[in-house]
Amino acid sequence: MSIEYYTLGKDKRTPEKIPEGQDKPLIPFKERLIKQTTMPDKKWVSTVFIGRDESEGEDQPPKLFGTKVFPKHGVWTEMYSWFYPTWDEAEKGHMQIVKWLHENKI
């Protein structure tokens, strides 16, 4: 199975599949960024449009957005990661993860 790549549509939120063989556009980070949060203990939560399918099976919608938790900003060894099929689900997921980290002091 080959990797499928996507870009963001004109609304800057809706993914559009890039046809195989077509160049992948470079999307500036600020346009891919959904949300970032620094926790009180300095853990850093970042949610972005990834642009490639991270789903684990053909029977699932493409998961093109991701949230990762890092020990702190600038330390790129991820502690946790989650993936979502839509911008809206990624926004909601980001807030749920921040709440989970805060409540459980993880």
PDB file of N, CA and C in Angstrom:
ATOM      1  N   MET A   1       0.839  -1.174   0.000  1.00  0.00           N
ATOM      2  CA  MET A   1       0.000   0.000   0.000  1.00  0.00           C
ATOM      3  C   MET A   1       0.890   1.245   0.000  1.00  0.00           C
ATOM      4  N   SER A   2       0.616   2.185  -0.891  1.00  0.00           N
ATOM      5  CA  SER A   2       1.422   3.398  -0.966  1.00  0.00           C
ATOM      6  C   SER A   2       0.855   4.468  -0.035  1.00  0.00           C
ATOM      7  N   ILE A   3       1.700   5.389   0.320  1.00  0.00           N
ATOM      8  CA  ILE A   3       1.287   6.485   1.190  1.00  0.00           C
ATOM      9  C   ILE A   3       0.466   7.468   0.367  1.00  0.00           C
ATOM     10  N   GLU A   4      -0.668   7.902   0.931  1.00  0.00           N
ATOM     11  CA  GLU A   4      -1.499   8.897   0.258  1.00  0.00           C
ATOM     12  C   GLU A   4      -1.246  10.253   0.904  1.00  0.00           C
ATOM     13  N   TYR A   5      -1.111  11.274   0.053  1.00  0.00           N
ATOM     14  CA  TYR A   5      -0.842  12.625   0.536  1.00  0.00           C
ATOM     15  C   TYR A   5      -2.027  13.535   0.240  1.00  0.00           C
ATOM     16  N   TYR A   6      -2.179  14.539   1.100  1.00  0.00           N
ATOM     17  CA  TYR A   6      -3.294  15.480   0.996  1.00  0.00           C
ATOM     18  C   TYR A   6      -2.787  16.900   1.191  1.00  0.00           C
ATOM     19  N   THR A   7      -3.562  17.853   0.709  1.00  0.00           N
ATOM     20  CA  THR A   7      -3.328  19.263   0.953  1.00  0.00           C
ATOM     21  C   THR A   7      -4.605  19.832   1.555  1.00  0.00           C
ATOM     22  N   LEU A   8      -4.573  21.076   1.963  1.00  0.00           N
ATOM     23  CA  LEU A   8      -5.776  21.715   2.469  1.00  0.00           C
ATOM     24  C   LEU A   8      -6.452  22.486   1.354  1.00  0.00           C
ATOM     25  N   GLY A   9      -7.781  22.394   1.312  1.00  0.00           N
ATOM     26  CA  GLY A   9      -8.560  23.069   0.281  1.00  0.00           C
ATOM     27  C   GLY A   9      -8.590  24.580   0.481  1.00  0.00           C
ATOM     28  N   LYS A  10      -9.408  25.229  -0.323  1.00  0.00           N
ATOM     29  CA  LYS A  10      -9.476  26.693  -0.304  1.00  0.00           C
ATOM     30  C   LYS A  10      -9.914  27.252   1.041  1.00  0.00           C
ATOM     31  N   ASP A  11     -10.698  26.471   1.792  1.00  0.00           N
ATOM     32  CA  ASP A  11     -11.138  26.941   3.114  1.00  0.00           C
ATOM     33  C   ASP A  11     -10.054  26.773   4.176  1.00  0.00           C
ATOM     34  N   LYS A  12      -8.920  26.201   3.795  1.00  0.00           N
ATOM     35  CA  LYS A  12      -7.756  25.977   4.681  1.00  0.00           C
ATOM     36  C   LYS A  12      -8.051  25.021   5.829  1.00  0.00           C
ATOM     37  N   ARG A  13      -9.126  24.204   5.724  1.00  0.00           N
ATOM     38  CA  ARG A  13      -9.493  23.252   6.772  1.00  0.00           C
ATOM     39  C   ARG A  13      -9.846  21.879   6.230  1.00  0.00           C
ATOM     40  N   THR A  14     -10.286  21.829   4.984  1.00  0.00           N
ATOM     41  CA  THR A  14     -10.781  20.591   4.398  1.00  0.00           C
ATOM     42  C   THR A  14      -9.684  19.929   3.561  1.00  0.00           C
ATOM     43  N   PRO A  15      -9.335  18.666   3.867  1.00  0.00           N
ATOM     44  CA  PRO A  15      -8.297  17.981   3.101  1.00  0.00           C
ATOM     45  C   PRO A  15      -8.751  17.635   1.677  1.00  0.00           C
ATOM     46  N   GLU A  16      -7.820  17.718   0.765  1.00  0.00           N
ATOM     47  CA  GLU A  16      -8.033  17.295  -0.620  1.00  0.00           C
ATOM     48  C   GLU A  16      -6.886  16.375  -1.006  1.00  0.00           C
ATOM     49  N   LYS A  17      -7.222  15.220  -1.557  1.00  0.00           N
ATOM     50  CA  LYS A  17      -6.202  14.241  -1.943  1.00  0.00           C
ATOM     51  C   LYS A  17      -5.369  14.769  -3.110  1.00  0.00           C
ATOM     52  N   ILE A  18      -4.068  14.551  -3.019  1.00  0.00           N
ATOM     53  CA  ILE A  18      -3.157  14.927  -4.096  1.00  0.00           C
ATOM     54  C   ILE A  18      -3.026  13.719  -5.018  1.00  0.00           C
ATOM     55  N   PRO A  19      -3.331  13.893  -6.305  1.00  0.00           N
ATOM     56  CA  PRO A  19      -3.203  12.756  -7.228  1.00  0.00           C
ATOM     57  C   PRO A  19      -1.777  12.203  -7.251  1.00  0.00           C
ATOM     58  N   GLU A  20      -1.684  10.878  -7.351  1.00  0.00           N
ATOM     59  CA  GLU A  20      -0.375  10.232  -7.394  1.00  0.00           C
ATOM     60  C   GLU A  20       0.446  10.800  -8.545  1.00  0.00           C
ATOM     61  N   GLY A  21       1.711  11.087  -8.266  1.00  0.00           N
ATOM     62  CA  GLY A  21       2.611  11.629  -9.272  1.00  0.00           C
ATOM     63  C   GLY A  21       2.642  13.147  -9.298  1.00  0.00           C
ATOM     64  N   GLN A  22       1.664  13.792  -8.676  1.00  0.00           N
ATOM     65  CA  GLN A  22       1.640  15.251  -8.627  1.00  0.00           C
ATOM     66  C   GLN A  22       2.519  15.730  -7.475  1.00  0.00           C
ATOM     67  N   ASP A  23       3.200  16.842  -7.682  1.00  0.00           N
ATOM     68  CA  ASP A  23       4.045  17.398  -6.627  1.00  0.00           C
ATOM     69  C   ASP A  23       3.208  17.745  -5.409  1.00  0.00           C
ATOM     70  N   LYS A  24       3.794  17.541  -4.237  1.00  0.00           N
ATOM     71  CA  LYS A  24       3.127  17.875  -2.986  1.00  0.00           C
ATOM     72  C   LYS A  24       3.438  19.328  -2.650  1.00  0.00           C
ATOM     73  N   PRO A  25       2.398  20.148  -2.497  1.00  0.00           N
ATOM     74  CA  PRO A  25       2.662  21.560  -2.190  1.00  0.00           C
ATOM     75  C   PRO A  25       3.214  21.712  -0.779  1.00  0.00           C
ATOM     76  N   LEU A  26       4.055  22.696  -0.592  1.00  0.00           N
ATOM     77  CA  LEU A  26       4.587  22.999   0.729  1.00  0.00           C
ATOM     78  C   LEU A  26       3.604  23.946   1.414  1.00  0.00           C
ATOM     79  N   ILE A  27       2.980  23.476   2.483  1.00  0.00           N
ATOM     80  CA  ILE A  27       2.013  24.294   3.218  1.00  0.00           C
ATOM     81  C   ILE A  27       2.751  24.916   4.396  1.00  0.00           C
ATOM     82  N   PRO A  28       2.750  26.246   4.493  1.00  0.00           N
ATOM     83  CA  PRO A  28       3.439  26.879   5.627  1.00  0.00           C
ATOM     84  C   PRO A  28       2.913  26.345   6.957  1.00  0.00           C
ATOM     85  N   PHE A  29       3.813  26.205   7.927  1.00  0.00           N
ATOM     86  CA  PHE A  29       3.440  25.622   9.216  1.00  0.00           C
ATOM     87  C   PHE A  29       2.267  26.358   9.847  1.00  0.00           C
ATOM     88  N   LYS A  30       2.262  27.684   9.785  1.00  0.00           N
ATOM     89  CA  LYS A  30       1.187  28.437  10.433  1.00  0.00           C
ATOM     90  C   LYS A  30      -0.177  28.113   9.827  1.00  0.00           C
ATOM     91  N   GLU A  31      -0.218  27.638   8.592  1.00  0.00           N
ATOM     92  CA  GLU A  31      -1.487  27.239   7.971  1.00  0.00           C
ATOM     93  C   GLU A  31      -1.863  25.807   8.337  1.00  0.00           C
ATOM     94  N   ARG A  32      -0.911  24.998   8.768  1.00  0.00           N
ATOM     95  CA  ARG A  32      -1.161  23.612   9.185  1.00  0.00           C
ATOM     96  C   ARG A  32      -1.443  23.512  10.682  1.00  0.00           C
ATOM     97  N   LEU A  33      -1.061  24.548  11.412  1.00  0.00           N
ATOM     98  CA  LEU A  33      -1.197  24.557  12.859  1.00  0.00           C
ATOM     99  C   LEU A  33      -2.658  24.719  13.273  1.00  0.00           C
ATOM    100  N   ILE A  34      -3.104  23.825  14.140  1.00  0.00           N
ATOM    101  CA  ILE A  34      -4.452  23.913  14.683  1.00  0.00           C
ATOM    102  C   ILE A  34      -4.408  24.514  16.077  1.00  0.00           C
ATOM    103  N   LYS A  35      -3.576  23.961  16.951  1.00  0.00           N
ATOM    104  CA  LYS A  35      -3.505  24.438  18.338  1.00  0.00           C
ATOM    105  C   LYS A  35      -2.213  23.947  18.968  1.00  0.00           C
ATOM    106  N   GLN A  36      -1.649  24.774  19.852  1.00  0.00           N
ATOM    107  CA  GLN A  36      -0.500  24.385  20.665  1.00  0.00           C
ATOM    108  C   GLN A  36      -0.757  24.835  22.097  1.00  0.00           C
ATOM    109  N   THR A  37      -0.377  24.000  23.048  1.00  0.00           N
ATOM    110  CA  THR A  37      -0.575  24.320  24.457  1.00  0.00           C
ATOM    111  C   THR A  37       0.654  23.884  25.241  1.00  0.00           C
ATOM    112  N   THR A  38       1.159  24.777  26.083  1.00  0.00           N
ATOM    113  CA  THR A  38       2.219  24.420  27.015  1.00  0.00           C
ATOM    114  C   THR A  38       1.564  24.190  28.371  1.00  0.00           C
ATOM    115  N   MET A  39       1.768  23.011  28.912  1.00  0.00           N
ATOM    116  CA  MET A  39       1.169  22.630  30.190  1.00  0.00           C
ATOM    117  C   MET A  39       1.972  23.244  31.342  1.00  0.00           C
ATOM    118  N   PRO A  40       1.383  23.327  32.546  1.00  0.00           N
ATOM    119  CA  PRO A  40       2.114  23.894  33.697  1.00  0.00           C
ATOM    120  C   PRO A  40       3.464  23.212  33.965  1.00  0.00           C
ATOM    121  N   ASP A  41       3.557  21.900  33.681  1.00  0.00           N
ATOM    122  CA  ASP A  41       4.822  21.185  33.906  1.00  0.00           C
ATOM    123  C   ASP A  41       5.744  21.249  32.685  1.00  0.00           C
ATOM    124  N   LYS A  42       5.397  22.121  31.724  1.00  0.00           N
ATOM    125  CA  LYS A  42       6.179  22.393  30.504  1.00  0.00           C
ATOM    126  C   LYS A  42       5.972  21.378  29.376  1.00  0.00           C
ATOM    127  N   LYS A  43       5.171  20.301  29.605  1.00  0.00           N
ATOM    128  CA  LYS A  43       4.850  19.429  28.472  1.00  0.00           C
ATOM    129  C   LYS A  43       4.213  20.288  27.395  1.00  0.00           C
ATOM    130  N   TRP A  44       4.467  19.919  26.160  1.00  0.00           N
ATOM    131  CA  TRP A  44       3.983  20.708  25.028  1.00  0.00           C
ATOM    132  C   TRP A  44       3.057  19.842  24.196  1.00  0.00           C
ATOM    133  N   VAL A  45       1.842  20.335  23.944  1.00  0.00           N
ATOM    134  CA  VAL A  45       0.831  19.634  23.156  1.00  0.00           C
ATOM    135  C   VAL A  45       0.676  20.395  21.845  1.00  0.00           C
ATOM    136  N   SER A  46       0.853  19.691  20.732  1.00  0.00           N
ATOM    137  CA  SER A  46       0.785  20.328  19.422  1.00  0.00           C
ATOM    138  C   SER A  46      -0.134  19.527  18.502  1.00  0.00           C
ATOM    139  N   THR A  47      -1.066  20.232  17.861  1.00  0.00           N
ATOM    140  CA  THR A  47      -2.009  19.602  16.939  1.00  0.00           C
ATOM    141  C   THR A  47      -1.896  20.289  15.583  1.00  0.00           C
ATOM    142  N   VAL A  48      -1.654  19.481  14.536  1.00  0.00           N
ATOM    143  CA  VAL A  48      -1.427  20.024  13.196  1.00  0.00           C
ATOM    144  C   VAL A  48      -2.069  19.147  12.116  1.00  0.00           C
ATOM    145  N   PHE A  49      -2.200  19.731  10.922  1.00  0.00           N
ATOM    146  CA  PHE A  49      -2.533  18.973   9.718  1.00  0.00           C
ATOM    147  C   PHE A  49      -1.242  18.310   9.267  1.00  0.00           C
ATOM    148  N   ILE A  50      -1.269  16.978   9.112  1.00  0.00           N
ATOM    149  CA  ILE A  50      -0.061  16.228   8.758  1.00  0.00           C
ATOM    150  C   ILE A  50       0.140  16.162   7.240  1.00  0.00           C
ATOM    151  N   GLY A  51      -0.942  15.889   6.518  1.00  0.00           N
ATOM    152  CA  GLY A  51      -0.852  15.846   5.067  1.00  0.00           C
ATOM    153  C   GLY A  51      -0.626  14.468   4.486  1.00  0.00           C
ATOM    154  N   ARG A  52      -0.527  13.453   5.333  1.00  0.00           N
ATOM    155  CA  ARG A  52      -0.438  12.078   4.847  1.00  0.00           C
ATOM    156  C   ARG A  52      -1.324  11.221   5.749  1.00  0.00           C
ATOM    157  N   ASP A  53      -1.792  10.140   5.200  1.00  0.00           N
ATOM    158  CA  ASP A  53      -2.739   9.287   5.905  1.00  0.00           C
ATOM    159  C   ASP A  53      -2.033   8.471   6.975  1.00  0.00           C
ATOM    160  N   GLU A  54      -2.462   8.637   8.226  1.00  0.00           N
ATOM    161  CA  GLU A  54      -1.898   7.900   9.358  1.00  0.00           C
ATOM    162  C   GLU A  54      -2.855   6.822   9.868  1.00  0.00           C
ATOM    163  N   SER A  55      -3.927   6.534   9.096  1.00  0.00           N
ATOM    164  CA  SER A  55      -4.860   5.494   9.546  1.00  0.00           C
ATOM    165  C   SER A  55      -4.184   4.133   9.434  1.00  0.00           C
ATOM    166  N   GLU A  56      -4.724   3.166  10.151  1.00  0.00           N
ATOM    167  CA  GLU A  56      -4.101   1.848  10.198  1.00  0.00           C
ATOM    168  C   GLU A  56      -4.921   0.801   9.466  1.00  0.00           C
ATOM    169  N   GLY A  57      -5.619   1.204   8.451  1.00  0.00           N
ATOM    170  CA  GLY A  57      -6.389   0.232   7.691  1.00  0.00           C
ATOM    171  C   GLY A  57      -7.204   0.895   6.603  1.00  0.00           C
ATOM    172  N   GLU A  58      -7.496   0.120   5.584  1.00  0.00           N
ATOM    173  CA  GLU A  58      -8.243   0.658   4.456  1.00  0.00           C
ATOM    174  C   GLU A  58      -9.710   0.879   4.786  1.00  0.00           C
ATOM    175  N   ASP A  59     -10.210   0.284   5.875  1.00  0.00           N
ATOM    176  CA  ASP A  59     -11.617   0.408   6.231  1.00  0.00           C
ATOM    177  C   ASP A  59     -11.877   1.639   7.093  1.00  0.00           C
ATOM    178  N   GLN A  60     -10.904   2.509   7.246  1.00  0.00           N
ATOM    179  CA  GLN A  60     -11.037   3.709   8.059  1.00  0.00           C
ATOM    180  C   GLN A  60     -10.890   4.945   7.183  1.00  0.00           C
ATOM    181  N   PRO A  61     -11.525   6.049   7.605  1.00  0.00           N
ATOM    182  CA  PRO A  61     -11.267   7.293   6.866  1.00  0.00           C
ATOM    183  C   PRO A  61      -9.821   7.707   7.078  1.00  0.00           C
ATOM    184  N   PRO A  62      -9.235   8.436   6.139  1.00  0.00           N
ATOM    185  CA  PRO A  62      -7.854   8.877   6.315  1.00  0.00           C
ATOM    186  C   PRO A  62      -7.711   9.740   7.572  1.00  0.00           C
ATOM    187  N   LYS A  63      -6.681   9.482   8.328  1.00  0.00           N
ATOM    188  CA  LYS A  63      -6.389  10.286   9.516  1.00  0.00           C
ATOM    189  C   LYS A  63      -5.242  11.219   9.152  1.00  0.00           C
ATOM    190  N   LEU A  64      -5.585  12.475   8.936  1.00  0.00           N
ATOM    191  CA  LEU A  64      -4.670  13.448   8.351  1.00  0.00           C
ATOM    192  C   LEU A  64      -4.231  14.540   9.314  1.00  0.00           C
ATOM    193  N   PHE A  65      -4.772  14.501  10.520  1.00  0.00           N
ATOM    194  CA  PHE A  65      -4.477  15.502  11.536  1.00  0.00           C
ATOM    195  C   PHE A  65      -3.948  14.781  12.761  1.00  0.00           C
ATOM    196  N   GLY A  66      -3.014  15.385  13.473  1.00  0.00           N
ATOM    197  CA  GLY A  66      -2.459  14.693  14.623  1.00  0.00           C
ATOM    198  C   GLY A  66      -2.159  15.601  15.791  1.00  0.00           C
ATOM    199  N   THR A  67      -2.281  15.031  16.969  1.00  0.00           N
ATOM    200  CA  THR A  67      -1.880  15.693  18.208  1.00  0.00           C
ATOM    201  C   THR A  67      -0.765  14.868  18.816  1.00  0.00           C
ATOM    202  N   LYS A  68       0.293  15.546  19.208  1.00  0.00           N
ATOM    203  CA  LYS A  68       1.409  14.883  19.875  1.00  0.00           C
ATOM    204  C   LYS A  68       1.736  15.633  21.149  1.00  0.00           C
ATOM    205  N   VAL A  69       2.142  14.861  22.150  1.00  0.00           N
ATOM    206  CA  VAL A  69       2.585  15.431  23.418  1.00  0.00           C
ATOM    207  C   VAL A  69       4.088  15.193  23.517  1.00  0.00           C
ATOM    208  N   PHE A  70       4.824  16.276  23.793  1.00  0.00           N
ATOM    209  CA  PHE A  70       6.270  16.229  23.922  1.00  0.00           C
ATOM    210  C   PHE A  70       6.659  16.610  25.354  1.00  0.00           C
ATOM    211  N   PRO A  71       7.826  16.159  25.826  1.00  0.00           N
ATOM    212  CA  PRO A  71       8.243  16.490  27.190  1.00  0.00           C
ATOM    213  C   PRO A  71       8.302  18.002  27.441  1.00  0.00           C
ATOM    214  N   LYS A  72       8.705  18.764  26.424  1.00  0.00           N
ATOM    215  CA  LYS A  72       8.687  20.224  26.464  1.00  0.00           C
ATOM    216  C   LYS A  72       8.912  20.729  25.040  1.00  0.00           C
ATOM    217  N   HIS A  73       8.630  22.004  24.834  1.00  0.00           N
ATOM    218  CA  HIS A  73       8.810  22.586  23.506  1.00  0.00           C
ATOM    219  C   HIS A  73      10.272  22.469  23.091  1.00  0.00           C
ATOM    220  N   GLY A  74      10.494  21.982  21.886  1.00  0.00           N
ATOM    221  CA  GLY A  74      11.852  21.830  21.374  1.00  0.00           C
ATOM    222  C   GLY A  74      12.464  20.462  21.605  1.00  0.00           C
ATOM    223  N   VAL A  75      11.833  19.636  22.422  1.00  0.00           N
ATOM    224  CA  VAL A  75      12.288  18.257  22.630  1.00  0.00           C
ATOM    225  C   VAL A  75      11.330  17.378  21.838  1.00  0.00           C
ATOM    226  N   TRP A  76      11.798  16.819  20.735  1.00  0.00           N
ATOM    227  CA  TRP A  76      10.915  16.199  19.742  1.00  0.00           C
ATOM    228  C   TRP A  76      10.678  14.716  19.948  1.00  0.00           C
ATOM    229  N   THR A  77      11.004  14.197  21.104  1.00  0.00           N
ATOM    230  CA  THR A  77      10.702  12.801  21.418  1.00  0.00           C
ATOM    231  C   THR A  77       9.272  12.760  21.938  1.00  0.00           C
ATOM    232  N   GLU A  78       8.367  12.273  21.096  1.00  0.00           N
ATOM    233  CA  GLU A  78       6.949  12.307  21.491  1.00  0.00           C
ATOM    234  C   GLU A  78       6.654  11.316  22.601  1.00  0.00           C
ATOM    235  N   MET A  79       5.752  11.722  23.473  1.00  0.00           N
ATOM    236  CA  MET A  79       5.326  10.880  24.581  1.00  0.00           C
ATOM    237  C   MET A  79       4.024  10.151  24.232  1.00  0.00           C
ATOM    238  N   TYR A  80       3.117  10.861  23.558  1.00  0.00           N
ATOM    239  CA  TYR A  80       1.822  10.310  23.163  1.00  0.00           C
ATOM    240  C   TYR A  80       1.454  10.908  21.809  1.00  0.00           C
ATOM    241  N   SER A  81       0.618  10.178  21.058  1.00  0.00           N
ATOM    242  CA  SER A  81       0.107  10.739  19.810  1.00  0.00           C
ATOM    243  C   SER A  81      -1.288  10.185  19.506  1.00  0.00           C
ATOM    244  N   TRP A  82      -2.097  11.030  18.886  1.00  0.00           N
ATOM    245  CA  TRP A  82      -3.447  10.684  18.449  1.00  0.00           C
ATOM    246  C   TRP A  82      -3.639  11.253  17.052  1.00  0.00           C
ATOM    247  N   PHE A  83      -4.495  10.598  16.251  1.00  0.00           N
ATOM    248  CA  PHE A  83      -4.738  11.044  14.883  1.00  0.00           C
ATOM    249  C   PHE A  83      -6.230  11.128  14.615  1.00  0.00           C
ATOM    250  N   TYR A  84      -6.606  12.056  13.717  1.00  0.00           N
ATOM    251  CA  TYR A  84      -8.003  12.354  13.450  1.00  0.00           C
ATOM    252  C   TYR A  84      -8.251  12.532  11.951  1.00  0.00           C
ATOM    253  N   PRO A  85      -9.499  12.298  11.523  1.00  0.00           N
ATOM    254  CA  PRO A  85      -9.815  12.479  10.106  1.00  0.00           C
ATOM    255  C   PRO A  85     -10.189  13.909   9.711  1.00  0.00           C
ATOM    256  N   THR A  86     -10.584  14.766  10.678  1.00  0.00           N
ATOM    257  CA  THR A  86     -11.011  16.123  10.311  1.00  0.00           C
ATOM    258  C   THR A  86     -10.370  17.178  11.210  1.00  0.00           C
ATOM    259  N   TRP A  87     -10.367  18.386  10.720  1.00  0.00           N
ATOM    260  CA  TRP A  87      -9.848  19.536  11.468  1.00  0.00           C
ATOM    261  C   TRP A  87     -10.643  19.701  12.756  1.00  0.00           C
ATOM    262  N   ASP A  88     -11.972  19.641  12.656  1.00  0.00           N
ATOM    263  CA  ASP A  88     -12.825  19.835  13.825  1.00  0.00           C
ATOM    264  C   ASP A  88     -12.565  18.780  14.902  1.00  0.00           C
ATOM    265  N   GLU A  89     -12.409  17.518  14.499  1.00  0.00           N
ATOM    266  CA  GLU A  89     -12.112  16.458  15.470  1.00  0.00           C
ATOM    267  C   GLU A  89     -10.739  16.671  16.107  1.00  0.00           C
ATOM    268  N   ALA A  90      -9.795  17.178  15.326  1.00  0.00           N
ATOM    269  CA  ALA A  90      -8.462  17.452  15.864  1.00  0.00           C
ATOM    270  C   ALA A  90      -8.515  18.578  16.896  1.00  0.00           C
ATOM    271  N   GLU A  91      -9.280  19.626  16.629  1.00  0.00           N
ATOM    272  CA  GLU A  91      -9.441  20.717  17.602  1.00  0.00           C
ATOM    273  C   GLU A  91     -10.036  20.187  18.907  1.00  0.00           C
ATOM    274  N   LYS A  92     -11.096  19.406  18.777  1.00  0.00           N
ATOM    275  CA  LYS A  92     -11.760  18.835  19.947  1.00  0.00           C
ATOM    276  C   LYS A  92     -10.812  17.886  20.689  1.00  0.00           C
ATOM    277  N   GLY A  93     -10.111  17.044  19.940  1.00  0.00           N
ATOM    278  CA  GLY A  93      -9.169  16.103  20.537  1.00  0.00           C
ATOM    279  C   GLY A  93      -8.059  16.813  21.293  1.00  0.00           C
ATOM    280  N   HIS A  94      -7.560  17.902  20.740  1.00  0.00           N
ATOM    281  CA  HIS A  94      -6.503  18.668  21.405  1.00  0.00           C
ATOM    282  C   HIS A  94      -6.968  19.104  22.786  1.00  0.00           C
ATOM    283  N   MET A  95      -8.160  19.679  22.849  1.00  0.00           N
ATOM    284  CA  MET A  95      -8.676  20.177  24.121  1.00  0.00           C
ATOM    285  C   MET A  95      -8.920  19.035  25.114  1.00  0.00           C
ATOM    286  N   GLN A  96      -9.383  17.892  24.612  1.00  0.00           N
ATOM    287  CA  GLN A  96      -9.599  16.735  25.493  1.00  0.00           C
ATOM    288  C   GLN A  96      -8.276  16.228  26.062  1.00  0.00           C
ATOM    289  N   ILE A  97      -7.246  16.218  25.246  1.00  0.00           N
ATOM    290  CA  ILE A  97      -5.925  15.749  25.695  1.00  0.00           C
ATOM    291  C   ILE A  97      -5.344  16.707  26.727  1.00  0.00           C
ATOM    292  N   VAL A  98      -5.461  18.003  26.487  1.00  0.00           N
ATOM    293  CA  VAL A  98      -4.982  18.988  27.459  1.00  0.00           C
ATOM    294  C   VAL A  98      -5.710  18.792  28.789  1.00  0.00           C
ATOM    295  N   LYS A  99      -7.018  18.604  28.728  1.00  0.00           N
ATOM    296  CA  LYS A  99      -7.805  18.383  29.945  1.00  0.00           C
ATOM    297  C   LYS A  99      -7.347  17.095  30.650  1.00  0.00           C
ATOM    298  N   TRP A 100      -7.162  16.022  29.880  1.00  0.00           N
ATOM    299  CA  TRP A 100      -6.721  14.737  30.427  1.00  0.00           C
ATOM    300  C   TRP A 100      -5.364  14.870  31.108  1.00  0.00           C
ATOM    301  N   LEU A 101      -4.416  15.544  30.459  1.00  0.00           N
ATOM    302  CA  LEU A 101      -3.091  15.736  31.046  1.00  0.00           C
ATOM    303  C   LEU A 101      -3.185  16.540  32.341  1.00  0.00           C
ATOM    304  N   HIS A 102      -3.990  17.595  32.293  1.00  0.00           N
ATOM    305  CA  HIS A 102      -4.135  18.458  33.477  1.00  0.00           C
ATOM    306  C   HIS A 102      -4.779  17.713  34.647  1.00  0.00           C
ATOM    307  N   GLU A 103      -5.880  17.009  34.366  1.00  0.00           N
ATOM    308  CA  GLU A 103      -6.601  16.304  35.425  1.00  0.00           C
ATOM    309  C   GLU A 103      -5.816  15.153  36.025  1.00  0.00           C
ATOM    310  N   ASN A 104      -5.033  14.479  35.192  1.00  0.00           N
ATOM    311  CA  ASN A 104      -4.292  13.310  35.664  1.00  0.00           C
ATOM    312  C   ASN A 104      -2.842  13.609  36.005  1.00  0.00           C
ATOM    313  N   LYS A 105      -2.447  14.850  35.828  1.00  0.00           N
ATOM    314  CA  LYS A 105      -1.074  15.285  36.126  1.00  0.00           C
ATOM    315  C   LYS A 105      -0.039  14.332  35.511  1.00  0.00           C
ATOM    316  N   ILE A 106      -0.300  14.003  34.265  1.00  0.00           N
ATOM    317  CA  ILE A 106       0.590  13.085  33.544  1.00  0.00           C
ATOM    318  C   ILE A 106       1.737  13.881  32.939  1.00  0.00           C
TER     319      ILE A 106
END
